[in-house]
């Protein structure tokens, strides 16, 4: 089940709730009990490195499937 971030408009608290997608836009009471909250836009950061150089490619290959089966 996805987690959603919310911010309370009354006290400014930021909190998260785990709920079904169909309930993501429903009112979400903050931990202090206020009901005036707004769902925040969250982003997912994906980091990593994928370094592939021409020197790492198989010799005599290429093409649509990496060589060998296309010809």
PDB file of N, CA and C in Angstrom:
ATOM      1  N   UNK A   1       0.856  -1.170   0.000  1.00  0.00           N
ATOM      2  CA  UNK A   1       0.000   0.000   0.000  1.00  0.00           C
ATOM      3  C   UNK A   1       0.909   1.243   0.000  1.00  0.00           C
ATOM      4  N   UNK A   2       0.613   2.235  -0.814  1.00  0.00           N
ATOM      5  CA  UNK A   2       1.474   3.420  -0.907  1.00  0.00           C
ATOM      6  C   UNK A   2       1.356   4.350   0.301  1.00  0.00           C
ATOM      7  N   UNK A   3       2.427   5.112   0.512  1.00  0.00           N
ATOM      8  CA  UNK A   3       2.446   6.131   1.564  1.00  0.00           C
ATOM      9  C   UNK A   3       2.326   7.500   0.917  1.00  0.00           C
ATOM     10  N   UNK A   4       1.574   8.371   1.543  1.00  0.00           N
ATOM     11  CA  UNK A   4       1.363   9.721   1.036  1.00  0.00           C
ATOM     12  C   UNK A   4       1.749  10.719   2.114  1.00  0.00           C
ATOM     13  N   UNK A   5       2.359  11.831   1.689  1.00  0.00           N
ATOM     14  CA  UNK A   5       2.734  12.906   2.596  1.00  0.00           C
ATOM     15  C   UNK A   5       1.654  13.972   2.559  1.00  0.00           C
ATOM     16  N   UNK A   6       1.358  14.509   3.743  1.00  0.00           N
ATOM     17  CA  UNK A   6       0.348  15.553   3.893  1.00  0.00           C
ATOM     18  C   UNK A   6       0.921  16.662   4.754  1.00  0.00           C
ATOM     19  N   UNK A   7       0.369  17.877   4.611  1.00  0.00           N
ATOM     20  CA  UNK A   7       0.715  18.988   5.484  1.00  0.00           C
ATOM     21  C   UNK A   7      -0.572  19.586   6.019  1.00  0.00           C
ATOM     22  N   UNK A   8      -0.580  19.787   7.323  1.00  0.00           N
ATOM     23  CA  UNK A   8      -1.729  20.384   7.993  1.00  0.00           C
ATOM     24  C   UNK A   8      -1.709  21.891   7.750  1.00  0.00           C
ATOM     25  N   UNK A   9      -2.804  22.438   7.295  1.00  0.00           N
ATOM     26  CA  UNK A   9      -2.895  23.881   7.062  1.00  0.00           C
ATOM     27  C   UNK A   9      -3.091  24.645   8.363  1.00  0.00           C
ATOM     28  N   UNK A  10      -3.588  23.981   9.392  1.00  0.00           N
ATOM     29  CA  UNK A  10      -3.835  24.655  10.663  1.00  0.00           C
ATOM     30  C   UNK A  10      -2.568  24.840  11.485  1.00  0.00           C
ATOM     31  N   UNK A  11      -1.770  23.775  11.631  1.00  0.00           N
ATOM     32  CA  UNK A  11      -0.581  23.852  12.493  1.00  0.00           C
ATOM     33  C   UNK A  11       0.733  23.716  11.744  1.00  0.00           C
ATOM     34  N   UNK A  12       0.693  23.368  10.456  1.00  0.00           N
ATOM     35  CA  UNK A  12       1.905  23.263   9.657  1.00  0.00           C
ATOM     36  C   UNK A  12       2.637  21.941   9.774  1.00  0.00           C
ATOM     37  N   UNK A  13       2.104  20.990  10.523  1.00  0.00           N
ATOM     38  CA  UNK A  13       2.754  19.687  10.682  1.00  0.00           C
ATOM     39  C   UNK A  13       2.756  18.933   9.355  1.00  0.00           C
ATOM     40  N   UNK A  14       3.860  18.251   9.069  1.00  0.00           N
ATOM     41  CA  UNK A  14       3.953  17.380   7.910  1.00  0.00           C
ATOM     42  C   UNK A  14       3.927  15.953   8.422  1.00  0.00           C
ATOM     43  N   UNK A  15       3.093  15.113   7.794  1.00  0.00           N
ATOM     44  CA  UNK A  15       2.939  13.735   8.259  1.00  0.00           C
ATOM     45  C   UNK A  15       2.655  12.845   7.068  1.00  0.00           C
ATOM     46  N   UNK A  16       2.799  11.549   7.267  1.00  0.00           N
ATOM     47  CA  UNK A  16       2.518  10.608   6.184  1.00  0.00           C
ATOM     48  C   UNK A  16       1.505   9.575   6.651  1.00  0.00           C
ATOM     49  N   UNK A  17       0.747   9.095   5.679  1.00  0.00           N
ATOM     50  CA  UNK A  17      -0.244   8.064   5.925  1.00  0.00           C
ATOM     51  C   UNK A  17      -0.097   6.967   4.882  1.00  0.00           C
ATOM     52  N   UNK A  18      -0.284   5.740   5.302  1.00  0.00           N
ATOM     53  CA  UNK A  18      -0.323   4.605   4.390  1.00  0.00           C
ATOM     54  C   UNK A  18      -1.790   4.296   4.165  1.00  0.00           C
ATOM     55  N   UNK A  19      -2.190   4.411   2.900  1.00  0.00           N
ATOM     56  CA  UNK A  19      -3.605   4.185   2.572  1.00  0.00           C
ATOM     57  C   UNK A  19      -3.728   3.773   1.118  1.00  0.00           C
ATOM     58  N   UNK A  20      -4.846   3.163   0.761  1.00  0.00           N
ATOM     59  CA  UNK A  20      -5.054   2.769  -0.639  1.00  0.00           C
ATOM     60  C   UNK A  20      -5.069   3.992  -1.555  1.00  0.00           C
ATOM     61  N   UNK A  21      -4.697   3.784  -2.820  1.00  0.00           N
ATOM     62  CA  UNK A  21      -4.662   4.884  -3.777  1.00  0.00           C
ATOM     63  C   UNK A  21      -6.020   5.566  -3.906  1.00  0.00           C
ATOM     64  N   UNK A  22      -7.079   4.803  -3.843  1.00  0.00           N
ATOM     65  CA  UNK A  22      -8.413   5.391  -4.008  1.00  0.00           C
ATOM     66  C   UNK A  22      -8.767   6.351  -2.861  1.00  0.00           C
ATOM     67  N   UNK A  23      -8.026   6.285  -1.746  1.00  0.00           N
ATOM     68  CA  UNK A  23      -8.278   7.167  -0.606  1.00  0.00           C
ATOM     69  C   UNK A  23      -7.245   8.284  -0.484  1.00  0.00           C
ATOM     70  N   UNK A  24      -6.343   8.404  -1.462  1.00  0.00           N
ATOM     71  CA  UNK A  24      -5.248   9.368  -1.347  1.00  0.00           C
ATOM     72  C   UNK A  24      -5.732  10.812  -1.270  1.00  0.00           C
ATOM     73  N   UNK A  25      -6.848  11.130  -1.894  1.00  0.00           N
ATOM     74  CA  UNK A  25      -7.370  12.486  -1.878  1.00  0.00           C
ATOM     75  C   UNK A  25      -8.363  12.752  -0.767  1.00  0.00           C
ATOM     76  N   UNK A  26      -8.689  11.731   0.028  1.00  0.00           N
ATOM     77  CA  UNK A  26      -9.631  11.903   1.134  1.00  0.00           C
ATOM     78  C   UNK A  26      -9.016  12.768   2.228  1.00  0.00           C
ATOM     79  N   UNK A  27      -9.854  13.404   3.058  1.00  0.00           N
ATOM     80  CA  UNK A  27      -9.327  14.195   4.173  1.00  0.00           C
ATOM     81  C   UNK A  27      -8.406  13.348   5.049  1.00  0.00           C
ATOM     82  N   UNK A  28      -7.319  13.974   5.498  1.00  0.00           N
ATOM     83  CA  UNK A  28      -6.341  13.278   6.326  1.00  0.00           C
ATOM     84  C   UNK A  28      -6.111  14.087   7.597  1.00  0.00           C
ATOM     85  N   UNK A  29      -6.581  13.605   8.729  1.00  0.00           N
ATOM     86  CA  UNK A  29      -6.365  14.353   9.980  1.00  0.00           C
ATOM     87  C   UNK A  29      -4.900  14.296  10.409  1.00  0.00           C
ATOM     88  N   UNK A  30      -4.376  15.432  10.851  1.00  0.00           N
ATOM     89  CA  UNK A  30      -2.983  15.485  11.296  1.00  0.00           C
ATOM     90  C   UNK A  30      -2.863  14.854  12.687  1.00  0.00           C
ATOM     91  N   UNK A  31      -1.650  14.605  13.154  1.00  0.00           N
ATOM     92  CA  UNK A  31      -1.466  13.997  14.476  1.00  0.00           C
ATOM     93  C   UNK A  31      -2.061  14.825  15.623  1.00  0.00           C
ATOM     94  N   UNK A  32      -2.225  16.147  15.423  1.00  0.00           N
ATOM     95  CA  UNK A  32      -2.844  16.997  16.456  1.00  0.00           C
ATOM     96  C   UNK A  32      -4.369  17.032  16.342  1.00  0.00           C
ATOM     97  N   UNK A  33      -4.925  16.333  15.350  1.00  0.00           N
ATOM     98  CA  UNK A  33      -6.376  16.229  15.222  1.00  0.00           C
ATOM     99  C   UNK A  33      -7.023  17.210  14.269  1.00  0.00           C
ATOM    100  N   UNK A  34      -6.251  18.104  13.657  1.00  0.00           N
ATOM    101  CA  UNK A  34      -6.833  19.037  12.691  1.00  0.00           C
ATOM    102  C   UNK A  34      -7.195  18.282  11.419  1.00  0.00           C
ATOM    103  N   UNK A  35      -8.229  18.734  10.740  1.00  0.00           N
ATOM    104  CA  UNK A  35      -8.674  18.025   9.538  1.00  0.00           C
ATOM    105  C   UNK A  35      -8.407  18.784   8.250  1.00  0.00           C
ATOM    106  N   UNK A  36      -7.868  20.006   8.336  1.00  0.00           N
ATOM    107  CA  UNK A  36      -7.594  20.796   7.142  1.00  0.00           C
ATOM    108  C   UNK A  36      -6.169  20.512   6.671  1.00  0.00           C
ATOM    109  N   UNK A  37      -6.031  19.496   5.827  1.00  0.00           N
ATOM    110  CA  UNK A  37      -4.699  19.119   5.349  1.00  0.00           C
ATOM    111  C   UNK A  37      -4.699  19.059   3.825  1.00  0.00           C
ATOM    112  N   UNK A  38      -3.511  19.069   3.273  1.00  0.00           N
ATOM    113  CA  UNK A  38      -3.338  19.003   1.831  1.00  0.00           C
ATOM    114  C   UNK A  38      -2.302  17.927   1.522  1.00  0.00           C
ATOM    115  N   UNK A  39      -2.561  17.159   0.465  1.00  0.00           N
ATOM    116  CA  UNK A  39      -1.622  16.126   0.047  1.00  0.00           C
ATOM    117  C   UNK A  39      -0.462  16.788  -0.666  1.00  0.00           C
ATOM    118  N   UNK A  40       0.763  16.384  -0.317  1.00  0.00           N
ATOM    119  CA  UNK A  40       1.957  16.952  -0.917  1.00  0.00           C
ATOM    120  C   UNK A  40       2.391  16.127  -2.114  1.00  0.00           C
ATOM    121  N   UNK A  41       3.002  16.782  -3.070  1.00  0.00           N
ATOM    122  CA  UNK A  41       3.572  16.101  -4.211  1.00  0.00           C
ATOM    123  C   UNK A  41       4.921  15.545  -3.780  1.00  0.00           C
ATOM    124  N   UNK A  42       5.092  14.253  -3.893  1.00  0.00           N
ATOM    125  CA  UNK A  42       6.355  13.641  -3.512  1.00  0.00           C
ATOM    126  C   UNK A  42       7.074  13.158  -4.755  1.00  0.00           C
ATOM    127  N   UNK A  43       8.381  13.189  -4.682  1.00  0.00           N
ATOM    128  CA  UNK A  43       9.194  12.711  -5.794  1.00  0.00           C
ATOM    129  C   UNK A  43      10.109  11.616  -5.290  1.00  0.00           C
ATOM    130  N   UNK A  44      10.485  10.758  -6.188  1.00  0.00           N
ATOM    131  CA  UNK A  44      11.383   9.664  -5.856  1.00  0.00           C
ATOM    132  C   UNK A  44      12.694   9.928  -6.575  1.00  0.00           C
ATOM    133  N   UNK A  45      13.767   9.956  -5.821  1.00  0.00           N
ATOM    134  CA  UNK A  45      15.076  10.156  -6.424  1.00  0.00           C
ATOM    135  C   UNK A  45      15.758   8.816  -6.622  1.00  0.00           C
ATOM    136  N   UNK A  46      16.170   8.576  -7.822  1.00  0.00           N
ATOM    137  CA  UNK A  46      16.877   7.334  -8.120  1.00  0.00           C
ATOM    138  C   UNK A  46      18.280   7.719  -8.536  1.00  0.00           C
ATOM    139  N   UNK A  47      19.245   7.171  -7.826  1.00  0.00           N
ATOM    140  CA  UNK A  47      20.629   7.460  -8.160  1.00  0.00           C
ATOM    141  C   UNK A  47      21.372   6.177  -8.427  1.00  0.00           C
ATOM    142  N   UNK A  48      22.472   6.305  -9.072  1.00  0.00           N
ATOM    143  CA  UNK A  48      23.290   5.147  -9.376  1.00  0.00           C
ATOM    144  C   UNK A  48      24.171   5.480 -10.551  1.00  0.00           C
ATOM    145  N   UNK A  49      24.949   4.523 -10.930  1.00  0.00           N
ATOM    146  CA  UNK A  49      25.785   4.752 -12.100  1.00  0.00           C
ATOM    147  C   UNK A  49      25.759   3.522 -12.979  1.00  0.00           C
ATOM    148  N   UNK A  50      25.597   3.775 -14.214  1.00  0.00           N
ATOM    149  CA  UNK A  50      25.621   2.713 -15.206  1.00  0.00           C
ATOM    150  C   UNK A  50      26.570   3.173 -16.290  1.00  0.00           C
ATOM    151  N   UNK A  51      27.825   2.819 -16.114  1.00  0.00           N
ATOM    152  CA  UNK A  51      28.800   3.271 -17.099  1.00  0.00           C
ATOM    153  C   UNK A  51      29.158   2.117 -18.019  1.00  0.00           C
ATOM    154  N   UNK A  52      28.749   2.254 -19.238  1.00  0.00           N
ATOM    155  CA  UNK A  52      29.065   1.281 -20.265  1.00  0.00           C
ATOM    156  C   UNK A  52      29.778   2.026 -21.370  1.00  0.00           C
ATOM    157  N   UNK A  53      30.929   1.569 -21.704  1.00  0.00           N
ATOM    158  CA  UNK A  53      31.666   2.238 -22.767  1.00  0.00           C
ATOM    159  C   UNK A  53      31.769   1.318 -23.975  1.00  0.00           C
ATOM    160  N   UNK A  54      32.208   1.876 -25.081  1.00  0.00           N
ATOM    161  CA  UNK A  54      32.354   1.093 -26.302  1.00  0.00           C
ATOM    162  C   UNK A  54      33.394  -0.006 -26.105  1.00  0.00           C
ATOM    163  N   UNK A  55      34.378   0.238 -25.252  1.00  0.00           N
ATOM    164  CA  UNK A  55      35.410  -0.765 -25.006  1.00  0.00           C
ATOM    165  C   UNK A  55      34.850  -1.980 -24.274  1.00  0.00           C
ATOM    166  N   UNK A  56      33.733  -1.793 -23.552  1.00  0.00           N
ATOM    167  CA  UNK A  56      33.145  -2.891 -22.797  1.00  0.00           C
ATOM    168  C   UNK A  56      32.195  -3.731 -23.644  1.00  0.00           C
ATOM    169  N   UNK A  57      31.841  -3.260 -24.831  1.00  0.00           N
ATOM    170  CA  UNK A  57      30.906  -3.983 -25.690  1.00  0.00           C
ATOM    171  C   UNK A  57      31.580  -5.215 -26.271  1.00  0.00           C
ATOM    172  N   UNK A  58      30.821  -6.282 -26.506  1.00  0.00           N
ATOM    173  CA  UNK A  58      31.399  -7.484 -27.085  1.00  0.00           C
ATOM    174  C   UNK A  58      31.940  -7.223 -28.489  1.00  0.00           C
ATOM    175  N   UNK A  59      33.043  -7.850 -28.803  1.00  0.00           N
ATOM    176  CA  UNK A  59      33.670  -7.673 -30.116  1.00  0.00           C
ATOM    177  C   UNK A  59      32.823  -8.305 -31.210  1.00  0.00           C
ATOM    178  N   UNK A  60      32.765  -7.661 -32.361  1.00  0.00           N
ATOM    179  CA  UNK A  60      32.058  -8.203 -33.511  1.00  0.00           C
ATOM    180  C   UNK A  60      30.565  -8.150 -33.381  1.00  0.00           C
ATOM    181  N   UNK A  61      30.066  -7.464 -32.365  1.00  0.00           N
ATOM    182  CA  UNK A  61      28.621  -7.459 -32.163  1.00  0.00           C
ATOM    183  C   UNK A  61      28.047  -6.074 -32.311  1.00  0.00           C
ATOM    184  N   UNK A  62      26.909  -5.924 -31.778  1.00  0.00           N
ATOM    185  CA  UNK A  62      26.180  -4.669 -31.872  1.00  0.00           C
ATOM    186  C   UNK A  62      24.830  -4.968 -32.445  1.00  0.00           C
ATOM    187  N   UNK A  63      24.292  -4.063 -33.161  1.00  0.00           N
ATOM    188  CA  UNK A  63      23.002  -4.281 -33.789  1.00  0.00           C
ATOM    189  C   UNK A  63      21.864  -4.299 -32.778  1.00  0.00           C
ATOM    190  N   UNK A  64      20.787  -4.915 -33.159  1.00  0.00           N
ATOM    191  CA  UNK A  64      19.570  -4.839 -32.384  1.00  0.00           C
ATOM    192  C   UNK A  64      19.587  -5.674 -31.117  1.00  0.00           C
ATOM    193  N   UNK A  65      20.382  -6.716 -31.090  1.00  0.00           N
ATOM    194  CA  UNK A  65      20.318  -7.597 -29.910  1.00  0.00           C
ATOM    195  C   UNK A  65      21.690  -7.913 -29.338  1.00  0.00           C
ATOM    196  N   UNK A  66      22.657  -7.062 -29.577  1.00  0.00           N
ATOM    197  CA  UNK A  66      23.970  -7.274 -28.999  1.00  0.00           C
ATOM    198  C   UNK A  66      24.873  -8.166 -29.837  1.00  0.00           C
ATOM    199  N   UNK A  67      24.479  -8.528 -30.997  1.00  0.00           N
ATOM    200  CA  UNK A  67      25.306  -9.332 -31.879  1.00  0.00           C
ATOM    201  C   UNK A  67      25.035 -10.808 -31.752  1.00  0.00           C
ATOM    202  N   UNK A  68      25.403 -11.529 -32.724  1.00  0.00           N
ATOM    203  CA  UNK A  68      25.276 -12.982 -32.663  1.00  0.00           C
ATOM    204  C   UNK A  68      24.012 -13.528 -33.266  1.00  0.00           C
ATOM    205  N   UNK A  69      22.853 -12.977 -32.938  1.00  0.00           N
ATOM    206  CA  UNK A  69      21.609 -13.583 -33.410  1.00  0.00           C
ATOM    207  C   UNK A  69      20.974 -12.821 -34.576  1.00  0.00           C
ATOM    208  N   UNK A  70      21.416 -11.623 -34.827  1.00  0.00           N
ATOM    209  CA  UNK A  70      20.886 -10.850 -35.957  1.00  0.00           C
ATOM    210  C   UNK A  70      21.896 -10.918 -37.095  1.00  0.00           C
ATOM    211  N   UNK A  71      21.474 -10.992 -38.226  1.00  0.00           N
ATOM    212  CA  UNK A  71      22.508 -11.013 -39.228  1.00  0.00           C
ATOM    213  C   UNK A  71      22.029 -10.766 -40.553  1.00  0.00           C
TER     214      UNK A  71
END
